[in-house]
């Protein structure tokens, strides 16, 4: 692997040592191929759901699954559904066979760090779905836990608040203000040191910068 991707290989080795199944891809198209060739054939899946992730969307995996009539999808985003219905679907997603999303940050020592507004994504990564697949761009890799928290609070969260058009202070300044906004998206942290049971969480690391 080229020297510029040394952190990617270091992260891969650390994640694998911590019980995660890890795959490498050169780009989103390669990540899609890894998913359908190496992961999906081993998933006894009757029920699939997901949480928001720009990196996951870039792979095209979700679109392909949604187009497959043989797969039952719990659609947690639906403009025609009420807020109450969407929340109920997110609760149901915790019992899915397969759950797809991304990660806000990954440390070179193999920890996953995530922050949620509602907590459905952090909850599903930690427990519930039988298998979880995370699509993670190389730009999410940080040296340590402090770097992960800083990345989430002062980069990913402000950009996500702005992307969703939430009127939070961070959306305007690009920095965390530890606000009390009703649209605050920083409510539930998740830090996963090791995968239990081993192999439940599968991570596709993608070369380059993908997602926020």
Protein backbone atom coordinates (compact mmCIF):
# COMPACT_ATOMS: atom_id res chain seq x y z
CA UNK A 1 0.00 0.00 0.00
CA UNK A 2 1.38 3.48 -0.89
CA UNK A 3 2.85 5.52 1.97
CA UNK A 4 0.04 8.07 1.78
CA UNK A 5 -2.39 5.34 2.87
CA UNK A 6 -0.29 4.16 5.84
CA UNK A 7 -2.94 5.34 8.32
CA UNK A 8 -5.53 3.28 6.45
CA UNK A 9 -3.51 0.10 6.85
CA UNK A 10 -2.72 0.90 10.49
CA UNK A 11 -6.42 1.46 11.16
CA UNK A 12 -7.36 -1.74 9.36
CA UNK A 13 -4.95 -3.80 11.43
CA UNK A 14 -6.13 -2.24 14.70
CA UNK A 15 -9.81 -2.74 13.87
CA UNK A 16 -9.19 -6.37 12.93
CA UNK A 17 -7.32 -6.93 16.20
CA UNK A 18 -10.36 -5.51 18.02
CA UNK A 19 -12.72 -8.07 16.50
CA UNK A 20 -14.16 -6.12 13.57
CA UNK A 21 -14.30 -7.64 10.10
CA UNK A 22 -12.48 -5.13 7.88
CA UNK A 23 -12.37 -4.74 4.11
CA UNK A 24 -10.44 -2.26 1.97
CA UNK A 25 -11.74 -0.56 -1.16
CA UNK A 26 -10.12 1.95 -3.51
CA UNK A 27 -13.32 3.92 -4.16
CA UNK A 28 -17.11 3.75 -3.58
CA UNK A 29 -17.58 1.46 -6.58
CA UNK A 30 -15.03 -0.92 -5.09
CA UNK A 31 -16.84 -0.73 -1.75
CA UNK A 32 -20.09 -1.71 -3.46
CA UNK A 33 -18.35 -4.71 -5.03
CA UNK A 34 -16.89 -5.73 -1.67
CA UNK A 35 -20.34 -5.54 -0.10
CA UNK A 36 -22.14 -7.67 -2.69
CA UNK A 37 -19.29 -10.10 -3.35
CA UNK A 38 -17.85 -10.63 0.13
CA UNK A 39 -20.40 -9.54 2.73
CA UNK A 40 -23.95 -9.95 1.45
CA UNK A 41 -23.61 -13.64 0.44
CA UNK A 42 -22.92 -14.52 4.09
CA UNK A 43 -25.82 -12.53 5.54
CA UNK A 44 -28.97 -14.54 6.17
CA UNK A 45 -31.05 -11.48 5.59
CA UNK A 46 -34.78 -11.09 5.60
CA UNK A 47 -34.92 -7.57 7.00
CA UNK A 48 -32.60 -4.66 6.18
CA UNK A 49 -32.46 -1.08 7.37
CA UNK A 50 -30.04 1.82 7.47
CA UNK A 51 -29.17 5.21 8.96
CA UNK A 52 -27.99 8.36 7.24
CA UNK A 53 -24.50 8.25 5.75
CA UNK A 54 -23.19 10.19 2.75
CA UNK A 55 -20.41 7.63 2.32
CA UNK A 56 -22.90 4.77 2.21
CA UNK A 57 -25.02 6.64 -0.34
CA UNK A 58 -21.93 7.23 -2.50
CA UNK A 59 -21.43 3.48 -2.89
CA UNK A 60 -24.87 2.90 -4.44
CA UNK A 61 -25.41 -0.10 -2.15
CA UNK A 62 -28.64 1.24 -0.67
CA UNK A 63 -30.20 1.97 -4.07
CA UNK A 64 -29.45 -1.55 -5.24
CA UNK A 65 -30.95 -3.10 -2.11
CA UNK A 66 -34.07 -0.92 -2.36
CA UNK A 67 -34.55 -2.08 -5.95
CA UNK A 68 -34.40 -5.78 -4.98
CA UNK A 69 -37.95 -7.09 -4.36
CA UNK A 70 -36.56 -10.12 -2.54
CA UNK A 71 -35.28 -7.93 0.30
CA UNK A 72 -37.57 -6.38 2.91
CA UNK A 73 -36.40 -2.86 3.71
CA UNK A 74 -37.42 -0.84 6.76
CA UNK A 75 -37.48 2.64 5.25
CA UNK A 76 -36.51 5.07 7.97
CA UNK A 77 -36.69 8.02 5.58
CA UNK A 78 -40.07 8.51 3.92
CA UNK A 79 -41.51 11.94 3.07
CA UNK A 80 -45.02 10.47 3.07
CA UNK A 81 -44.77 9.05 6.60
CA UNK A 82 -45.58 10.94 9.79
CA UNK A 83 -42.90 11.73 12.34
CA UNK A 84 -44.44 9.18 14.70
CA UNK A 85 -44.28 6.51 11.99
CA UNK A 86 -40.65 7.31 11.20
CA UNK A 87 -39.68 6.97 14.87
CA UNK A 88 -41.50 3.63 15.04
CA UNK A 89 -39.63 2.40 11.96
CA UNK A 90 -36.34 3.39 13.54
CA UNK A 91 -37.29 1.32 16.57
CA UNK A 92 -38.11 -1.62 14.30
CA UNK A 93 -34.77 -1.20 12.54
CA UNK A 94 -33.03 -2.26 15.75
CA UNK A 95 -34.37 -5.77 15.09
CA UNK A 96 -33.17 -5.95 11.50
CA UNK A 97 -30.91 -8.70 10.19
CA UNK A 98 -28.63 -6.17 8.51
CA UNK A 99 -28.06 -2.49 9.26
CA UNK A 100 -26.05 -0.11 7.06
CA UNK A 101 -24.52 3.24 7.92
CA UNK A 102 -21.20 5.08 8.30
CA UNK A 103 -19.03 6.29 11.18
CA UNK A 104 -18.20 9.83 12.23
CA UNK A 105 -14.66 8.89 13.19
CA UNK A 106 -12.35 5.89 13.52
CA UNK A 107 -9.09 5.96 15.46
CA UNK A 108 -5.86 4.40 14.28
CA UNK A 109 -6.01 2.23 17.41
CA UNK A 110 -9.29 0.74 16.21
CA UNK A 111 -12.10 2.55 18.04
CA UNK A 112 -15.40 3.67 16.48
CA UNK A 113 -16.71 7.08 17.58
CA UNK A 114 -20.17 8.36 16.70
CA UNK A 115 -22.57 11.10 17.78
CA UNK A 116 -26.32 11.22 17.13
CA UNK A 117 -29.28 13.53 17.52
CA UNK A 118 -31.86 10.81 18.31
CA UNK A 119 -29.56 7.86 19.00
CA UNK A 120 -31.06 5.32 16.60
CA UNK A 121 -27.79 5.03 14.65
CA UNK A 122 -25.51 4.78 17.68
CA UNK A 123 -27.92 2.28 19.25
CA UNK A 124 -28.01 0.06 16.16
CA UNK A 125 -24.24 0.04 15.79
CA UNK A 126 -23.87 -1.02 19.42
CA UNK A 127 -26.68 -3.59 19.73
CA UNK A 128 -29.78 -4.94 18.01
CA UNK A 129 -29.27 -5.72 14.33
CA UNK A 130 -27.63 -9.09 13.75
CA UNK A 131 -25.04 -7.62 11.38
CA UNK A 132 -23.87 -4.04 10.89
CA UNK A 133 -21.92 -2.74 7.90
CA UNK A 134 -20.16 0.62 8.10
CA UNK A 135 -18.80 2.42 5.04
CA UNK A 136 -15.94 4.67 6.14
CA UNK A 137 -13.84 7.08 4.09
CA UNK A 138 -10.14 7.46 4.84
CA UNK A 139 -10.84 11.05 5.91
CA UNK A 140 -12.62 9.73 9.03
CA UNK A 141 -9.39 8.27 10.45
CA UNK A 142 -7.91 10.18 13.41
CA UNK A 143 -4.97 9.45 15.73
CA UNK A 144 -6.84 9.02 19.00
CA UNK A 145 -10.07 9.45 20.95
CA UNK A 146 -9.47 13.16 21.59
CA UNK A 147 -8.99 13.70 17.87
CA UNK A 148 -12.18 11.76 17.14
CA UNK A 149 -14.27 13.86 19.54
CA UNK A 150 -12.81 17.07 18.11
CA UNK A 151 -13.48 15.92 14.56
CA UNK A 152 -17.10 15.12 15.32
CA UNK A 153 -17.88 18.26 17.34
CA UNK A 154 -16.00 20.80 15.25
CA UNK A 155 -16.27 19.36 11.75
CA UNK A 156 -18.79 16.60 11.10
CA UNK A 157 -21.60 17.84 13.37
CA UNK A 158 -21.56 21.47 12.17
CA UNK A 159 -21.57 20.37 8.52
CA UNK A 160 -24.38 17.89 9.14
CA UNK A 161 -26.44 20.55 10.94
CA UNK A 162 -25.91 22.87 8.00
CA UNK A 163 -26.74 20.09 5.52
CA UNK A 164 -30.08 19.50 7.25
CA UNK A 165 -30.74 23.23 7.49
CA UNK A 166 -30.89 23.16 11.29
CA UNK A 167 -30.61 26.62 12.89
CA UNK A 168 -27.90 25.71 15.38
CA UNK A 169 -24.97 27.96 16.32
CA UNK A 170 -22.46 25.45 14.92
CA UNK A 171 -24.16 25.51 11.50
CA UNK A 172 -23.29 29.21 11.32
CA UNK A 173 -19.79 29.19 12.81
CA UNK A 174 -18.53 25.69 12.03
CA UNK A 175 -17.57 25.12 15.67
CA UNK A 176 -19.33 23.47 18.63
CA UNK A 177 -21.00 25.84 21.12
CA UNK A 178 -22.41 23.14 23.42
CA UNK A 179 -25.77 24.73 22.66
CA UNK A 180 -29.28 24.12 23.97
CA UNK A 181 -30.91 24.46 20.57
CA UNK A 182 -34.08 22.37 20.06
CA UNK A 183 -32.44 21.22 16.81
CA UNK A 184 -29.17 20.24 18.51
CA UNK A 185 -27.83 17.11 16.80
CA UNK A 186 -25.17 16.31 19.43
CA UNK A 187 -26.99 14.26 22.05
CA UNK A 188 -25.88 10.62 22.14
CA UNK A 189 -22.25 9.50 21.99
CA UNK A 190 -21.09 5.99 21.14
CA UNK A 191 -17.52 4.74 21.57
CA UNK A 192 -16.88 1.12 20.64
CA UNK A 193 -13.51 -0.26 21.74
CA UNK A 194 -14.00 -3.81 20.51
CA UNK A 195 -16.59 -5.68 18.48
CA UNK A 196 -18.71 -8.15 20.45
CA UNK A 197 -19.45 -10.69 19.29
CA UNK A 198 -16.44 -10.66 17.00
CA UNK A 199 -17.36 -10.07 13.39
CA UNK A 200 -20.81 -8.60 14.05
CA UNK A 201 -19.67 -5.19 12.79
CA UNK A 202 -18.12 -5.16 9.34
CA UNK A 203 -16.22 -2.09 8.18
CA UNK A 204 -15.44 -1.18 4.58
CA UNK A 205 -12.57 1.33 4.61
CA UNK A 206 -12.46 3.40 1.43
CA UNK A 207 -9.37 5.20 0.17
CA UNK A 208 -9.77 8.97 -0.14
CA UNK A 209 -12.18 11.49 1.34
CA UNK A 210 -15.82 10.39 1.36
CA UNK A 211 -18.67 11.79 3.39
CA UNK A 212 -18.42 14.16 6.34
